[in-house]
């Protein structure tokens, strides 16, 4: 039986490590590796010159890691849930209706995760067609 050289052993170990790392990345339904958005982000929600504290919690979705649920609680006490679709480090918020303090809005948006920073640009449209462009910027805790 031939002995493996130290170089060959090193190459085999490196290949196994790379395969294990690649397998640990989640894949979206499109096959694109996704970044883990799961966790709690504390930051601020801004509309024009108004800013308030905001916390977004995103629980794991082991059944489909490309779909996330963002549970939001603002500093003024508003709570709501928005669904998003993840592709790589980006999130897209398809048009959906949410209720906040008795008012229903249609929400769309997009964002991204960079390291531990989550940035989301929302567009809220009220029933009377008033548009509010909100920006969330938070850090994973």
N, C-alpha and C. Protein backbone atom coordinates (compact mmCIF):
# COMPACT_ATOMS: atom_id res chain seq x y z
N UNK A 1 0.83 -1.17 0.00
CA UNK A 1 0.00 0.00 0.00
C UNK A 1 0.89 1.24 0.00
N UNK A 2 0.55 2.21 -0.84
CA UNK A 2 1.35 3.42 -0.94
C UNK A 2 0.99 4.37 0.19
N UNK A 3 1.98 5.10 0.66
CA UNK A 3 1.75 6.12 1.67
C UNK A 3 1.41 7.43 0.97
N UNK A 4 0.48 8.16 1.58
CA UNK A 4 0.13 9.47 1.03
C UNK A 4 1.16 10.49 1.50
N UNK A 5 1.56 11.38 0.60
CA UNK A 5 2.50 12.42 0.99
C UNK A 5 1.79 13.46 1.84
N UNK A 6 2.55 14.23 2.58
CA UNK A 6 1.99 15.28 3.44
C UNK A 6 1.20 16.29 2.62
N UNK A 7 1.63 16.57 1.40
CA UNK A 7 0.94 17.52 0.53
C UNK A 7 -0.43 16.97 0.14
N UNK A 8 -0.50 15.69 -0.23
CA UNK A 8 -1.77 15.08 -0.61
C UNK A 8 -2.74 15.05 0.57
N UNK A 9 -2.22 14.72 1.75
CA UNK A 9 -3.07 14.69 2.95
C UNK A 9 -3.60 16.09 3.22
N UNK A 10 -2.76 17.09 3.10
CA UNK A 10 -3.18 18.48 3.32
C UNK A 10 -4.25 18.89 2.33
N UNK A 11 -4.09 18.50 1.06
CA UNK A 11 -5.09 18.82 0.04
C UNK A 11 -6.42 18.12 0.33
N UNK A 12 -6.38 16.88 0.77
CA UNK A 12 -7.61 16.15 1.10
C UNK A 12 -8.33 16.81 2.27
N UNK A 13 -7.58 17.17 3.30
CA UNK A 13 -8.19 17.85 4.47
C UNK A 13 -8.80 19.18 4.06
N UNK A 14 -8.12 19.94 3.23
CA UNK A 14 -8.64 21.22 2.76
C UNK A 14 -9.92 21.02 1.95
N UNK A 15 -9.93 20.02 1.08
CA UNK A 15 -11.13 19.73 0.27
C UNK A 15 -12.30 19.36 1.15
N UNK A 16 -12.08 18.53 2.16
CA UNK A 16 -13.15 18.14 3.08
C UNK A 16 -13.69 19.36 3.82
N UNK A 17 -12.80 20.23 4.28
CA UNK A 17 -13.22 21.45 4.99
C UNK A 17 -14.05 22.35 4.08
N UNK A 18 -13.65 22.51 2.82
CA UNK A 18 -14.41 23.34 1.89
C UNK A 18 -15.79 22.75 1.60
N UNK A 19 -15.86 21.44 1.45
CA UNK A 19 -17.15 20.78 1.22
C UNK A 19 -18.06 20.97 2.42
N UNK A 20 -17.52 20.82 3.62
CA UNK A 20 -18.33 21.00 4.84
C UNK A 20 -18.82 22.44 4.94
N UNK A 21 -17.96 23.41 4.61
CA UNK A 21 -18.36 24.82 4.67
C UNK A 21 -19.47 25.10 3.66
N UNK A 22 -19.32 24.61 2.44
CA UNK A 22 -20.32 24.84 1.40
C UNK A 22 -21.65 24.21 1.80
N UNK A 23 -21.62 23.05 2.40
CA UNK A 23 -22.85 22.37 2.81
C UNK A 23 -23.54 23.11 3.95
N UNK A 24 -22.79 23.88 4.74
CA UNK A 24 -23.39 24.59 5.88
C UNK A 24 -24.15 25.84 5.46
N UNK A 25 -23.94 26.33 4.24
CA UNK A 25 -24.67 27.49 3.75
C UNK A 25 -26.08 27.07 3.36
N UNK A 26 -27.07 27.89 3.74
CA UNK A 26 -28.45 27.61 3.32
C UNK A 26 -28.57 27.88 1.83
N UNK A 27 -29.47 27.20 1.20
CA UNK A 27 -29.74 27.46 -0.21
C UNK A 27 -31.18 27.90 -0.35
N UNK A 28 -31.41 28.93 -1.11
CA UNK A 28 -32.78 29.33 -1.41
C UNK A 28 -33.31 28.39 -2.46
N UNK A 29 -34.59 28.51 -2.79
CA UNK A 29 -35.17 27.63 -3.80
C UNK A 29 -34.52 27.84 -5.16
N UNK A 30 -33.87 28.99 -5.36
CA UNK A 30 -33.19 29.23 -6.63
C UNK A 30 -31.77 28.68 -6.63
N UNK A 31 -31.33 28.11 -5.48
CA UNK A 31 -30.01 27.53 -5.40
C UNK A 31 -28.94 28.53 -4.99
N UNK A 32 -29.30 29.77 -4.71
CA UNK A 32 -28.33 30.78 -4.31
C UNK A 32 -28.13 30.68 -2.80
N UNK A 33 -26.88 30.65 -2.35
CA UNK A 33 -26.62 30.58 -0.92
C UNK A 33 -27.17 31.83 -0.25
N UNK A 34 -27.83 31.63 0.89
CA UNK A 34 -28.41 32.76 1.61
C UNK A 34 -27.66 33.01 2.90
N UNK A 35 -27.61 34.25 3.30
CA UNK A 35 -27.01 34.66 4.56
C UNK A 35 -28.06 34.47 5.64
N UNK A 36 -27.65 34.14 6.83
CA UNK A 36 -28.61 33.96 7.92
C UNK A 36 -29.10 35.30 8.44
N UNK A 37 -30.37 35.59 8.22
CA UNK A 37 -31.00 36.81 8.69
C UNK A 37 -31.54 36.65 10.11
N UNK A 38 -31.55 35.42 10.64
CA UNK A 38 -32.19 35.15 11.91
C UNK A 38 -31.51 35.88 13.06
N UNK A 39 -32.33 36.42 13.97
CA UNK A 39 -31.82 37.12 15.14
C UNK A 39 -32.65 38.35 15.44
N UNK A 40 -32.16 39.15 16.37
CA UNK A 40 -32.83 40.38 16.77
C UNK A 40 -31.95 41.56 16.40
N UNK A 41 -32.58 42.54 15.74
CA UNK A 41 -31.87 43.74 15.28
C UNK A 41 -32.45 44.94 16.02
N UNK A 42 -31.59 45.70 16.65
CA UNK A 42 -32.03 46.90 17.34
C UNK A 42 -31.47 48.10 16.59
N UNK A 43 -32.36 49.04 16.29
CA UNK A 43 -31.93 50.20 15.52
C UNK A 43 -32.96 51.29 15.54
N UNK A 44 -33.09 51.96 14.40
CA UNK A 44 -34.02 53.08 14.30
C UNK A 44 -34.83 52.98 13.02
N UNK A 45 -36.03 53.54 13.11
CA UNK A 45 -36.95 53.62 11.98
C UNK A 45 -37.11 55.10 11.69
N UNK A 46 -36.86 55.50 10.45
CA UNK A 46 -36.85 56.93 10.10
C UNK A 46 -37.83 57.21 8.97
N UNK A 47 -38.60 58.29 9.14
CA UNK A 47 -39.46 58.81 8.09
C UNK A 47 -39.21 60.32 8.05
N UNK A 48 -38.66 60.79 6.95
CA UNK A 48 -38.27 62.20 6.79
C UNK A 48 -37.39 62.61 7.97
N UNK A 49 -37.84 63.53 8.83
CA UNK A 49 -37.01 63.98 9.95
C UNK A 49 -37.39 63.29 11.26
N UNK A 50 -38.40 62.41 11.23
CA UNK A 50 -38.84 61.70 12.43
C UNK A 50 -38.08 60.38 12.56
N UNK A 51 -37.54 60.11 13.74
CA UNK A 51 -36.85 58.86 14.01
C UNK A 51 -37.34 58.29 15.34
N UNK A 52 -37.55 56.98 15.36
CA UNK A 52 -37.89 56.31 16.61
C UNK A 52 -37.14 54.99 16.70
N UNK A 53 -36.99 54.52 17.93
CA UNK A 53 -36.32 53.24 18.14
C UNK A 53 -37.16 52.13 17.51
N UNK A 54 -36.51 51.08 17.05
CA UNK A 54 -37.21 49.97 16.42
C UNK A 54 -36.43 48.69 16.66
N UNK A 55 -37.15 47.61 16.88
CA UNK A 55 -36.54 46.29 17.05
C UNK A 55 -37.23 45.33 16.09
N UNK A 56 -36.43 44.60 15.33
CA UNK A 56 -36.96 43.58 14.43
C UNK A 56 -36.41 42.23 14.88
N UNK A 57 -37.32 41.30 15.14
CA UNK A 57 -36.92 39.93 15.48
C UNK A 57 -37.27 39.02 14.31
N UNK A 58 -36.30 38.20 13.89
CA UNK A 58 -36.51 37.27 12.78
C UNK A 58 -36.20 35.87 13.29
N UNK A 59 -37.27 35.06 13.53
CA UNK A 59 -37.03 33.70 14.01
C UNK A 59 -36.60 32.79 12.86
N UNK A 60 -35.90 31.69 13.18
CA UNK A 60 -35.50 30.73 12.14
C UNK A 60 -36.71 30.11 11.45
N UNK A 61 -36.55 29.82 10.17
CA UNK A 61 -37.56 29.12 9.40
C UNK A 61 -36.87 27.92 8.74
N UNK A 62 -36.68 26.84 9.51
CA UNK A 62 -35.93 25.70 8.96
C UNK A 62 -36.61 25.05 7.76
N UNK A 63 -37.92 25.21 7.62
CA UNK A 63 -38.63 24.63 6.49
C UNK A 63 -38.30 25.31 5.18
N UNK A 64 -38.01 26.62 5.21
CA UNK A 64 -37.68 27.36 3.99
C UNK A 64 -36.88 28.60 4.38
N UNK A 65 -35.54 28.49 4.44
CA UNK A 65 -34.72 29.62 4.89
C UNK A 65 -34.76 30.83 3.96
N UNK A 66 -35.38 30.71 2.78
CA UNK A 66 -35.45 31.88 1.89
C UNK A 66 -36.68 32.74 2.21
N UNK A 67 -37.53 32.30 3.15
CA UNK A 67 -38.67 33.11 3.58
C UNK A 67 -38.45 33.51 5.04
N UNK A 68 -38.52 34.81 5.31
CA UNK A 68 -38.35 35.27 6.69
C UNK A 68 -39.59 36.03 7.14
N UNK A 69 -39.80 36.03 8.45
CA UNK A 69 -40.89 36.76 9.07
C UNK A 69 -40.25 37.78 10.00
N UNK A 70 -40.52 39.06 9.74
CA UNK A 70 -39.94 40.14 10.55
C UNK A 70 -41.00 40.66 11.51
N UNK A 71 -40.79 40.41 12.80
CA UNK A 71 -41.69 40.89 13.84
C UNK A 71 -41.12 42.20 14.37
N UNK A 72 -41.87 43.27 14.20
CA UNK A 72 -41.37 44.60 14.52
C UNK A 72 -42.09 45.19 15.73
N UNK A 73 -41.31 45.87 16.58
CA UNK A 73 -41.88 46.64 17.68
C UNK A 73 -41.14 47.97 17.74
N UNK A 74 -41.89 49.05 17.53
CA UNK A 74 -41.27 50.37 17.52
C UNK A 74 -41.19 50.94 18.93
N UNK A 75 -40.41 51.98 19.06
CA UNK A 75 -40.25 52.65 20.34
C UNK A 75 -41.55 53.24 20.86
N UNK A 76 -42.49 53.57 19.98
CA UNK A 76 -43.77 54.12 20.41
C UNK A 76 -44.81 53.03 20.67
N UNK A 77 -44.39 51.75 20.54
CA UNK A 77 -45.27 50.65 20.88
C UNK A 77 -46.01 49.99 19.74
N UNK A 78 -45.84 50.44 18.52
CA UNK A 78 -46.50 49.79 17.38
C UNK A 78 -45.86 48.42 17.16
N UNK A 79 -46.69 47.42 16.89
CA UNK A 79 -46.18 46.09 16.56
C UNK A 79 -46.84 45.62 15.27
N UNK A 80 -46.07 44.94 14.44
CA UNK A 80 -46.60 44.38 13.21
C UNK A 80 -45.62 43.34 12.69
N UNK A 81 -46.10 42.52 11.75
CA UNK A 81 -45.29 41.47 11.15
C UNK A 81 -45.28 41.66 9.64
N UNK A 82 -44.09 41.56 9.06
CA UNK A 82 -43.91 41.68 7.61
C UNK A 82 -43.12 40.47 7.13
N UNK A 83 -43.57 39.88 6.03
CA UNK A 83 -42.87 38.73 5.43
C UNK A 83 -41.91 39.20 4.36
N UNK A 84 -40.77 38.52 4.26
CA UNK A 84 -39.79 38.86 3.24
C UNK A 84 -39.23 37.62 2.59
N UNK A 85 -38.68 37.79 1.39
CA UNK A 85 -38.01 36.72 0.66
C UNK A 85 -36.54 37.05 0.55
N UNK A 86 -35.70 36.09 0.91
CA UNK A 86 -34.26 36.29 0.95
C UNK A 86 -33.60 35.63 -0.26
N UNK A 87 -32.64 36.34 -0.83
CA UNK A 87 -31.78 35.79 -1.87
C UNK A 87 -30.38 36.32 -1.61
N UNK A 88 -29.48 35.44 -1.20
CA UNK A 88 -28.15 35.89 -0.81
C UNK A 88 -28.24 36.78 0.40
N UNK A 89 -27.72 37.99 0.33
CA UNK A 89 -27.77 38.92 1.46
C UNK A 89 -28.86 39.97 1.28
N UNK A 90 -29.73 39.78 0.29
CA UNK A 90 -30.81 40.74 0.02
C UNK A 90 -32.15 40.20 0.48
N UNK A 91 -33.04 41.09 0.85
CA UNK A 91 -34.42 40.72 1.21
C UNK A 91 -35.36 41.58 0.38
N UNK A 92 -36.42 40.96 -0.12
CA UNK A 92 -37.45 41.67 -0.87
C UNK A 92 -38.77 41.50 -0.14
N UNK A 93 -39.48 42.58 0.01
CA UNK A 93 -40.79 42.56 0.67
C UNK A 93 -41.83 42.77 -0.41
N UNK A 94 -42.51 41.68 -0.75
CA UNK A 94 -43.58 41.76 -1.76
C UNK A 94 -44.78 42.47 -1.15
N UNK A 95 -45.62 43.04 -1.99
CA UNK A 95 -46.80 43.78 -1.54
C UNK A 95 -47.65 42.93 -0.60
N UNK A 96 -47.95 43.48 0.57
CA UNK A 96 -48.76 42.80 1.57
C UNK A 96 -49.46 43.82 2.44
N UNK A 97 -50.58 43.43 3.03
CA UNK A 97 -51.34 44.31 3.91
C UNK A 97 -50.99 44.03 5.35
N UNK A 98 -50.80 45.11 6.14
CA UNK A 98 -50.59 44.97 7.57
C UNK A 98 -51.44 46.01 8.28
N UNK A 99 -51.78 45.72 9.52
CA UNK A 99 -52.56 46.67 10.33
C UNK A 99 -51.67 47.16 11.47
N UNK A 100 -51.66 48.48 11.63
CA UNK A 100 -50.92 49.12 12.72
C UNK A 100 -51.87 50.08 13.42
N UNK A 101 -52.13 49.82 14.68
CA UNK A 101 -53.02 50.67 15.49
C UNK A 101 -54.34 50.97 14.79
N UNK A 102 -54.94 49.95 14.20
CA UNK A 102 -56.25 50.11 13.57
C UNK A 102 -56.23 50.65 12.15
N UNK A 103 -55.06 50.98 11.62
CA UNK A 103 -54.95 51.47 10.25
C UNK A 103 -54.28 50.39 9.39
N UNK A 104 -54.86 50.12 8.23
CA UNK A 104 -54.31 49.12 7.32
C UNK A 104 -53.45 49.80 6.26
N UNK A 105 -52.28 49.23 6.03
CA UNK A 105 -51.34 49.74 5.04
C UNK A 105 -50.97 48.61 4.08
N UNK A 106 -50.64 48.99 2.85
CA UNK A 106 -50.01 48.08 1.91
C UNK A 106 -48.52 48.39 1.99
N UNK A 107 -47.72 47.35 2.18
CA UNK A 107 -46.28 47.54 2.37
C UNK A 107 -45.51 46.79 1.30
N UNK A 108 -44.47 47.44 0.78
CA UNK A 108 -43.48 46.82 -0.10
C UNK A 108 -42.12 47.29 0.37
N UNK A 109 -41.06 46.68 -0.13
CA UNK A 109 -39.75 47.17 0.24
C UNK A 109 -38.64 46.23 -0.15
N UNK A 110 -37.44 46.63 0.24
CA UNK A 110 -36.26 45.82 -0.03
C UNK A 110 -35.19 46.21 0.98
N UNK A 111 -34.20 45.34 1.10
CA UNK A 111 -33.12 45.63 2.03
C UNK A 111 -31.98 44.67 1.85
N UNK A 112 -31.04 44.74 2.79
CA UNK A 112 -29.88 43.87 2.72
C UNK A 112 -29.27 43.71 4.10
N UNK A 113 -28.52 42.64 4.25
CA UNK A 113 -27.77 42.38 5.47
C UNK A 113 -26.30 42.46 5.12
N UNK A 114 -25.58 43.31 5.82
CA UNK A 114 -24.14 43.47 5.62
C UNK A 114 -23.46 43.24 6.96
N UNK A 115 -22.83 42.09 7.10
CA UNK A 115 -22.26 41.74 8.41
C UNK A 115 -23.38 41.59 9.41
N UNK A 116 -23.38 42.43 10.44
CA UNK A 116 -24.45 42.38 11.45
C UNK A 116 -25.43 43.54 11.29
N UNK A 117 -25.32 44.30 10.20
CA UNK A 117 -26.20 45.45 9.97
C UNK A 117 -27.31 45.12 8.98
N UNK A 118 -28.56 45.37 9.40
CA UNK A 118 -29.72 45.16 8.55
C UNK A 118 -30.26 46.52 8.14
N UNK A 119 -30.45 46.72 6.85
CA UNK A 119 -31.01 47.95 6.30
C UNK A 119 -32.22 47.58 5.47
N UNK A 120 -33.37 48.22 5.75
CA UNK A 120 -34.58 47.96 4.98
C UNK A 120 -35.24 49.28 4.61
N UNK A 121 -35.62 49.41 3.35
CA UNK A 121 -36.39 50.55 2.86
C UNK A 121 -37.81 50.08 2.63
N UNK A 122 -38.75 50.62 3.41
CA UNK A 122 -40.16 50.25 3.29
C UNK A 122 -40.94 51.36 2.60
N UNK A 123 -42.01 50.99 1.91
CA UNK A 123 -42.99 51.95 1.42
C UNK A 123 -44.34 51.50 1.98
N UNK A 124 -44.91 52.33 2.86
CA UNK A 124 -46.23 52.08 3.43
C UNK A 124 -47.22 52.96 2.70
N UNK A 125 -48.33 52.40 2.22
CA UNK A 125 -49.37 53.18 1.55
C UNK A 125 -50.67 52.94 2.31
N UNK A 126 -51.28 54.04 2.78
CA UNK A 126 -52.53 53.93 3.53
C UNK A 126 -53.71 53.74 2.58
N UNK A 127 -54.88 53.46 3.16
CA UNK A 127 -56.10 53.25 2.36
C UNK A 127 -56.44 54.49 1.53
N UNK A 128 -56.10 55.68 2.05
CA UNK A 128 -56.38 56.91 1.30
C UNK A 128 -55.23 57.30 0.37
N UNK A 129 -54.32 56.33 0.13
CA UNK A 129 -53.20 56.46 -0.83
C UNK A 129 -52.08 57.39 -0.38
N UNK A 130 -52.01 57.70 0.93
CA UNK A 130 -50.88 58.46 1.44
C UNK A 130 -49.68 57.52 1.53
N UNK A 131 -48.54 57.97 1.00
CA UNK A 131 -47.33 57.14 0.96
C UNK A 131 -46.33 57.60 2.01
N UNK A 132 -45.78 56.62 2.72
CA UNK A 132 -44.76 56.88 3.74
C UNK A 132 -43.54 56.03 3.42
N UNK A 133 -42.41 56.68 3.21
CA UNK A 133 -41.15 55.98 2.94
C UNK A 133 -40.36 55.89 4.25
N UNK A 134 -40.30 54.70 4.83
CA UNK A 134 -39.61 54.45 6.08
C UNK A 134 -38.30 53.73 5.82
N UNK A 135 -37.30 54.01 6.63
CA UNK A 135 -36.02 53.33 6.53
C UNK A 135 -35.68 52.75 7.90
N UNK A 136 -35.34 51.46 7.92
CA UNK A 136 -34.86 50.81 9.13
C UNK A 136 -33.37 50.58 8.99
N UNK A 137 -32.62 50.88 10.06
CA UNK A 137 -31.20 50.59 10.10
C UNK A 137 -30.90 50.04 11.50
N UNK A 138 -30.50 48.76 11.56
CA UNK A 138 -30.27 48.15 12.86
C UNK A 138 -29.09 47.20 12.87
N UNK A 139 -28.68 46.87 14.08
CA UNK A 139 -27.52 45.98 14.29
C UNK A 139 -27.99 44.74 15.03
N UNK A 140 -27.49 43.59 14.58
CA UNK A 140 -27.84 42.30 15.20
C UNK A 140 -27.27 42.24 16.61
N UNK A 141 -28.09 41.79 17.53
CA UNK A 141 -27.68 41.68 18.92
C UNK A 141 -27.17 40.30 19.24
